[in-house]
C-alpha atoms as a PDB file:
ATOM      1  CA  MET A   1     120.094  10.255 -14.921  1.00  0.00           C
ATOM      2  CA  ALA A   2     123.551  11.448 -15.999  1.00  0.00           C
ATOM      3  CA  ASP A   3     124.944  10.568 -19.388  1.00  0.00           C
ATOM      4  CA  LEU A   4     127.924   8.269 -19.407  1.00  0.00           C
ATOM      5  CA  GLU A   5     130.054  11.034 -20.901  1.00  0.00           C
ATOM      6  CA  GLU A   6     129.383  13.191 -17.855  1.00  0.00           C
ATOM      7  CA  LEU A   7     130.598  10.594 -15.364  1.00  0.00           C
ATOM      8  CA  PRO A   8     134.188  11.280 -14.330  1.00  0.00           C
ATOM      9  CA  THR A   9     136.621   8.444 -14.965  1.00  0.00           C
ATOM     10  CA  GLY A  10     140.315   7.684 -14.698  1.00  0.00           C
ATOM     11  CA  PRO A  11     142.979   9.160 -12.457  1.00  0.00           C
ATOM     12  CA  GLU A  12     141.379  12.606 -12.563  1.00  0.00           C
ATOM     13  CA  VAL A  13     138.555  11.305 -10.367  1.00  0.00           C
ATOM     14  CA  VAL A  14     140.666   9.759  -7.676  1.00  0.00           C
ATOM     15  CA  GLY A  15     143.716  11.973  -7.776  1.00  0.00           C
ATOM     16  CA  TYR A  16     146.316  11.411  -5.114  1.00  0.00           C
ATOM     17  CA  GLY A  17     144.876  13.342  -2.207  1.00  0.00           C
ATOM     18  CA  PRO A  18     145.993  16.648  -0.710  1.00  0.00           C
ATOM     19  CA  ASN A  19     149.630  15.986  -1.593  1.00  0.00           C
ATOM     20  CA  HIS A  20     148.801  15.290  -5.247  1.00  0.00           C
ATOM     21  CA  SER A  21     151.729  17.152  -6.809  1.00  0.00           C
ATOM     22  CA  ALA A  22     154.345  15.413  -4.642  1.00  0.00           C
ATOM     23  CA  VAL A  23     152.843  11.990  -5.404  1.00  0.00           C
ATOM     24  CA  ALA A  24     152.687  12.796  -9.120  1.00  0.00           C
ATOM     25  CA  GLY A  25     156.336  13.904  -8.954  1.00  0.00           C
ATOM     26  CA  LEU A  26     157.360  10.639  -7.293  1.00  0.00           C
ATOM     27  CA  ILE A  27     155.485   8.649  -9.952  1.00  0.00           C
ATOM     28  CA  ALA A  28     157.125  10.651 -12.740  1.00  0.00           C
ATOM     29  CA  ARG A  29     160.552  10.061 -11.171  1.00  0.00           C
ATOM     30  CA  ALA A  30     159.801   6.341 -10.786  1.00  0.00           C
ATOM     31  CA  GLY A  31     159.159   6.240 -14.519  1.00  0.00           C
ATOM     32  CA  ARG A  32     162.743   7.389 -15.181  1.00  0.00           C
ATOM     33  CA  LEU A  33     164.610   4.987 -12.903  1.00  0.00           C
ATOM     34  CA  THR A  34     167.883   3.660 -14.252  1.00  0.00           C
ATOM     35  CA  ARG A  35     169.108   0.115 -13.811  1.00  0.00           C
ATOM     36  CA  ALA A  36     171.620   1.285 -11.175  1.00  0.00           C
ATOM     37  CA  GLU A  37     168.898   3.105  -9.236  1.00  0.00           C
ATOM     38  CA  VAL A  38     166.611   0.064  -9.347  1.00  0.00           C
ATOM     39  CA  HIS A  39     169.312  -2.179  -7.918  1.00  0.00           C
ATOM     40  CA  ALA A  40     170.208   0.443  -5.308  1.00  0.00           C
ATOM     41  CA  LEU A  41     166.541   0.661  -4.281  1.00  0.00           C
ATOM     42  CA  ALA A  42     166.319  -3.137  -4.039  1.00  0.00           C
ATOM     43  CA  GLY A  43     169.427  -3.146  -1.872  1.00  0.00           C
ATOM     44  CA  ALA A  44     168.050  -0.379   0.354  1.00  0.00           C
ATOM     45  CA  VAL A  45     164.802  -2.329   0.809  1.00  0.00           C
ATOM     46  CA  ALA A  46     166.744  -5.436   1.829  1.00  0.00           C
ATOM     47  CA  TRP A  47     168.934  -3.463   4.211  1.00  0.00           C
ATOM     48  CA  GLN A  48     166.254  -1.300   5.828  1.00  0.00           C
ATOM     49  CA  TRP A  49     163.136  -3.472   5.838  1.00  0.00           C
ATOM     50  CA  GLN A  50     164.123  -7.102   5.942  1.00  0.00           C
ATOM     51  CA  PRO A  51     165.772  -7.015   9.371  1.00  0.00           C
ATOM     52  CA  LEU A  52     162.493  -5.456  10.548  1.00  0.00           C
ATOM     53  CA  ALA A  53     160.196  -8.024   8.982  1.00  0.00           C
ATOM     54  CA  LEU A  54     158.400  -8.931  12.211  1.00  0.00           C
ATOM     55  CA  PRO A  55     155.083  -7.086  12.540  1.00  0.00           C
ATOM     56  CA  ILE A  56     156.135  -4.934  15.487  1.00  0.00           C
ATOM     57  CA  ARG A  57     155.862  -1.185  15.823  1.00  0.00           C
ATOM     58  CA  GLY A  58     158.596   0.415  13.788  1.00  0.00           C
ATOM     59  CA  SER A  59     158.712  -2.333  11.194  1.00  0.00           C
ATOM     60  CA  PHE A  60     157.766  -1.946   7.543  1.00  0.00           C
ATOM     61  CA  ALA A  61     154.733  -4.223   7.934  1.00  0.00           C
ATOM     62  CA  ALA A  62     153.424  -2.207  10.882  1.00  0.00           C
ATOM     63  CA  ALA A  63     154.075   1.120   9.129  1.00  0.00           C
ATOM     64  CA  ARG A  64     152.275  -0.032   5.987  1.00  0.00           C
ATOM     65  CA  SER A  65     149.310  -1.320   8.001  1.00  0.00           C
ATOM     66  CA  GLU A  66     149.123   1.951   9.918  1.00  0.00           C
ATOM     67  CA  ALA A  67     149.218   3.982   6.689  1.00  0.00           C
ATOM     68  CA  LEU A  68     146.529   1.860   5.021  1.00  0.00           C
ATOM     69  CA  ALA A  69     144.317   2.171   8.109  1.00  0.00           C
ATOM     70  CA  ALA A  70     144.829   5.943   8.129  1.00  0.00           C
ATOM     71  CA  ALA A  71     143.879   6.090   4.444  1.00  0.00           C
ATOM     72  CA  ARG A  72     140.730   4.069   5.073  1.00  0.00           C
ATOM     73  CA  ILE A  73     139.684   6.199   8.059  1.00  0.00           C
ATOM     74  CA  ALA A  74     140.317   9.444   6.162  1.00  0.00           C
ATOM     75  CA  GLY A  75     138.432   8.231   3.100  1.00  0.00           C
ATOM     76  CA  ARG A  76     141.574   8.147   0.952  1.00  0.00           C
ATOM     77  CA  THR A  77     141.575   4.465   0.073  1.00  0.00           C
ATOM     78  CA  GLY A  78     141.038   5.220  -3.617  1.00  0.00           C
ATOM     79  CA  GLU A  79     143.841   7.763  -3.658  1.00  0.00           C
ATOM     80  CA  ALA A  80     146.193   5.397  -1.839  1.00  0.00           C
ATOM     81  CA  THR A  81     145.399   2.525  -4.180  1.00  0.00           C
ATOM     82  CA  ALA A  82     145.762   4.672  -7.299  1.00  0.00           C
ATOM     83  CA  ALA A  83     149.074   6.143  -6.118  1.00  0.00           C
ATOM     84  CA  GLN A  84     150.533   2.747  -5.263  1.00  0.00           C
ATOM     85  CA  ASP A  85     149.409   1.162  -8.533  1.00  0.00           C
ATOM     86  CA  ASP A  86     150.617   4.072 -10.659  1.00  0.00           C
ATOM     87  CA  ALA A  87     153.982   4.178  -8.863  1.00  0.00           C
ATOM     88  CA  ARG A  88     154.498   0.432  -9.338  1.00  0.00           C
ATOM     89  CA  LEU A  89     153.562   0.546 -13.025  1.00  0.00           C
ATOM     90  CA  ALA A  90     155.780   3.576 -13.644  1.00  0.00           C
ATOM     91  CA  ALA A  91     158.725   1.886 -11.933  1.00  0.00           C
ATOM     92  CA  PHE A  92     158.226  -1.333 -13.895  1.00  0.00           C
ATOM     93  CA  ASP A  93     158.000   0.635 -17.144  1.00  0.00           C
ATOM     94  CA  SER A  94     161.158   2.649 -16.404  1.00  0.00           C
ATOM     95  CA  PRO A  95     164.394   1.706 -18.194  1.00  0.00           C
ATOM     96  CA  GLY A  96     165.721   0.173 -14.982  1.00  0.00           C
ATOM     97  CA  GLY A  97     162.458  -1.580 -14.181  1.00  0.00           C
ATOM     98  CA  ARG A  98     162.340  -3.199 -17.601  1.00  0.00           C
ATOM     99  CA  SER A  99     165.779  -4.661 -16.923  1.00  0.00           C
ATOM    100  CA  THR A 100     164.317  -6.675 -14.025  1.00  0.00           C
ATOM    101  CA  ALA A 101     161.550  -8.246 -16.100  1.00  0.00           C
ATOM    102  CA  GLY A 102     162.755 -11.834 -16.030  1.00  0.00           C
ATOM    103  CA  ARG A 103     161.713 -14.186 -18.733  1.00  0.00           C
ATOM    104  CA  TRP A 104     160.613 -17.675 -17.782  1.00  0.00           C
ATOM    105  CA  SER A 105     162.488 -19.203 -20.733  1.00  0.00           C
ATOM    106  CA  TRP A 106     165.772 -18.185 -19.096  1.00  0.00           C
ATOM    107  CA  ALA A 107     164.855 -19.921 -15.846  1.00  0.00           C
ATOM    108  CA  GLU A 108     163.546 -22.923 -17.761  1.00  0.00           C
ATOM    109  CA  ASN A 109     166.767 -23.135 -19.793  1.00  0.00           C
ATOM    110  CA  GLY A 110     168.820 -22.806 -16.629  1.00  0.00           C
ATOM    111  CA  LEU A 111     166.906 -25.622 -14.987  1.00  0.00           C
ATOM    112  CA  ALA A 112     167.363 -27.791 -18.070  1.00  0.00           C
ATOM    113  CA  GLY A 113     171.092 -27.032 -17.984  1.00  0.00           C
ATOM    114  CA  VAL A 114     171.340 -28.064 -14.331  1.00  0.00           C
ATOM    115  CA  VAL A 115     169.415 -31.304 -14.841  1.00  0.00           C
ATOM    116  CA  ILE A 116     171.242 -32.308 -18.032  1.00  0.00           C
ATOM    117  CA  GLY A 117     174.581 -31.277 -16.548  1.00  0.00           C
ATOM    118  CA  LEU A 118     174.103 -33.301 -13.365  1.00  0.00           C
ATOM    119  CA  ILE A 119     172.826 -36.417 -15.127  1.00  0.00           C
ATOM    120  CA  GLY A 120     175.544 -36.175 -17.772  1.00  0.00           C
ATOM    121  CA  ALA A 121     178.252 -35.660 -15.164  1.00  0.00           C
ATOM    122  CA  ILE A 122     177.095 -38.653 -13.119  1.00  0.00           C
ATOM    123  CA  VAL A 123     176.811 -40.962 -16.134  1.00  0.00           C
ATOM    124  CA  SER A 124     180.154 -39.791 -17.577  1.00  0.00           C
ATOM    125  CA  ALA A 125     181.916 -40.172 -14.237  1.00  0.00           C
ATOM    126  CA  GLN A 126     180.563 -43.701 -13.824  1.00  0.00           C
ATOM    127  CA  ALA A 127     181.725 -44.540 -17.347  1.00  0.00           C
ATOM    128  CA  GLY A 128     185.187 -43.176 -16.539  1.00  0.00           C
ATOM    129  CA  VAL A 129     185.035 -40.336 -19.101  1.00  0.00           C
ATOM    130  CA  VAL A 130     186.461 -37.535 -16.976  1.00  0.00           C
ATOM    131  CA  ALA A 131     186.503 -34.847 -19.669  1.00  0.00           C
ATOM    132  CA  ALA A 132     182.816 -35.354 -20.421  1.00  0.00           C
ATOM    133  CA  ALA A 133     181.992 -35.373 -16.700  1.00  0.00           C
ATOM    134  CA  VAL A 134     183.799 -32.041 -16.277  1.00  0.00           C
ATOM    135  CA  ALA A 135     182.009 -30.561 -19.303  1.00  0.00           C
ATOM    136  CA  PHE A 136     178.615 -31.666 -17.987  1.00  0.00           C
ATOM    137  CA  GLY A 137     179.533 -30.293 -14.554  1.00  0.00           C
ATOM    138  CA  LEU A 138     180.304 -26.924 -16.145  1.00  0.00           C
ATOM    139  CA  LEU A 139     176.944 -27.027 -17.914  1.00  0.00           C
ATOM    140  CA  ALA A 140     175.240 -27.586 -14.548  1.00  0.00           C
ATOM    141  CA  LEU A 141     177.119 -24.621 -13.064  1.00  0.00           C
ATOM    142  CA  VAL A 142     176.133 -22.352 -15.957  1.00  0.00           C
ATOM    143  CA  GLY A 143     172.494 -23.479 -15.595  1.00  0.00           C
ATOM    144  CA  ALA A 144     172.594 -22.703 -11.880  1.00  0.00           C
ATOM    145  CA  GLY A 145     174.018 -19.260 -12.675  1.00  0.00           C
ATOM    146  CA  VAL A 146     171.191 -18.565 -15.112  1.00  0.00           C
ATOM    147  CA  ILE A 147     168.624 -19.533 -12.454  1.00  0.00           C
ATOM    148  CA  LEU A 148     170.321 -17.280  -9.897  1.00  0.00           C
ATOM    149  CA  LEU A 149     170.272 -14.345 -12.323  1.00  0.00           C
ATOM    150  CA  TYR A 150     166.588 -14.945 -13.041  1.00  0.00           C
ATOM    151  CA  GLU A 151     165.783 -15.124  -9.339  1.00  0.00           C
ATOM    152  CA  SER A 152     167.812 -12.017  -8.507  1.00  0.00           C
ATOM    153  CA  SER A 153     165.899 -10.061 -11.165  1.00  0.00           C
ATOM    154  CA  ARG A 154     162.590 -11.334  -9.797  1.00  0.00           C
ATOM    155  CA  ILE A 155     163.553 -10.353  -6.243  1.00  0.00           C
ATOM    156  CA  ALA A 156     164.794  -6.928  -7.381  1.00  0.00           C
ATOM    157  CA  ARG A 157     161.460  -6.400  -9.166  1.00  0.00           C
ATOM    158  CA  TYR A 158     159.485  -7.368  -6.059  1.00  0.00           C
ATOM    159  CA  ARG A 159     161.560  -5.039  -3.871  1.00  0.00           C
ATOM    160  CA  LEU A 160     161.244  -2.205  -6.391  1.00  0.00           C
ATOM    161  CA  ALA A 161     157.451  -2.516  -6.316  1.00  0.00           C
ATOM    162  CA  ALA A 162     157.380  -2.536  -2.511  1.00  0.00           C
ATOM    163  CA  CYS A 163     159.673   0.493  -2.344  1.00  0.00           C
ATOM    164  CA  VAL A 164     157.806   2.775  -4.736  1.00  0.00           C
ATOM    165  CA  GLN A 165     154.383   1.720  -3.459  1.00  0.00           C
ATOM    166  CA  ALA A 166     155.363   2.459   0.143  1.00  0.00           C
ATOM    167  CA  ALA A 167     156.866   5.838  -0.780  1.00  0.00           C
ATOM    168  CA  ALA A 168     153.703   6.809  -2.696  1.00  0.00           C
ATOM    169  CA  LEU A 169     151.482   5.638   0.162  1.00  0.00           C
ATOM    170  CA  ALA A 170     153.520   7.684   2.631  1.00  0.00           C
ATOM    171  CA  LEU A 171     152.948  10.796   0.534  1.00  0.00           C
ATOM    172  CA  VAL A 172     149.202  10.201   0.164  1.00  0.00           C
ATOM    173  CA  VAL A 173     148.638   9.933   3.916  1.00  0.00           C
ATOM    174  CA  GLY A 174     151.745  11.712   5.176  1.00  0.00           C
ATOM    175  CA  ASP A 175     149.691  14.331   6.994  1.00  0.00           C
ATOM    176  CA  LEU A 176     147.976  11.558   8.982  1.00  0.00           C
ATOM    177  CA  LEU A 177     151.078   9.595   9.999  1.00  0.00           C
ATOM    178  CA  THR A 178     153.672   9.982  12.699  1.00  0.00           C
ATOM    179  CA  PRO A 179     157.055  11.121  11.359  1.00  0.00           C
ATOM    180  CA  GLU A 180     158.533   7.723  12.299  1.00  0.00           C
ATOM    181  CA  THR A 181     155.947   5.820  10.261  1.00  0.00           C
ATOM    182  CA  ALA A 182     156.379   8.092   7.246  1.00  0.00           C
ATOM    183  CA  HIS A 183     160.160   7.738   7.535  1.00  0.00           C
ATOM    184  CA  THR A 184     159.903   3.937   7.647  1.00  0.00           C
ATOM    185  CA  LEU A 185     157.774   3.869   4.510  1.00  0.00           C
ATOM    186  CA  ARG A 186     159.896   6.349   2.572  1.00  0.00           C
ATOM    187  CA  GLY A 187     163.239   5.156   3.928  1.00  0.00           C
ATOM    188  CA  PRO A 188     164.627   3.196   0.955  1.00  0.00           C
ATOM    189  CA  TRP A 189     163.321   5.707  -1.608  1.00  0.00           C
ATOM    190  CA  SER A 190     164.714   8.666   0.334  1.00  0.00           C
ATOM    191  CA  THR A 191     168.067   6.968   0.899  1.00  0.00           C
ATOM    192  CA  VAL A 192     168.678   6.247  -2.782  1.00  0.00           C
ATOM    193  CA  MET A 193     166.840   9.111  -4.469  1.00  0.00           C
ATOM    194  CA  HIS A 194     167.757  11.741  -1.830  1.00  0.00           C
ATOM    195  CA  ASP A 195     164.110  12.797  -1.805  1.00  0.00           C
END
C-alpha cells in the first residue's frame, strides 16, 4: 500500500491535457484581466452567445455540450473540469474580476431606498407636501440605480465566468472539436483578447 505522501495530488495530477501550456497561459492571462477587459468580455458574451441561446447546432449551449461529451469520451473530464475551475477562479481574482464582486448590502440598501422612497412619496403627495414627495421620489430613483448597478455587476460576473470557462474548455479538447465548435466556445475571449 502506498504512503499518502506518494499519492499525487493537486493540479499536477490532472494537468490540462495535451494543450497544457496554452490552457495555463489562458488561466494566467485571466488572472490579469482589467475592469475594462472584464466588461468587454461580458459584452462580447451577450453579443455573440445570447442571440444563439437555443440549443441548436452552432449555439453556445450545443458547442459546450459537444466539448464536454468529447472530453468525457477522450477521458479528459478531469482536465476539462480543472481548466474551467481554474480559469473561473483566476478571472474572479483578477483586478477586473474583483470589481464585479457585488455586495448584498448594496442591493439591500437600494431596495430599502426604493421602498422608503415610494412610500414616502405617496404619503407626502397625499398630504400635499410636494417638496417631500419629490425628495422621496429621488430617493426611490437612487435606490433603483443602486439595484441596477448591483445587478449589472452580477451579470458581468456570470458572463465572465462563462467566457473564460468556455475558452479553457475549448483549449483542453480543441484537438477533438470541429473548428466551428472551437470558434463558438472561444469567440468572446478571442474577440476581446485577440487570442
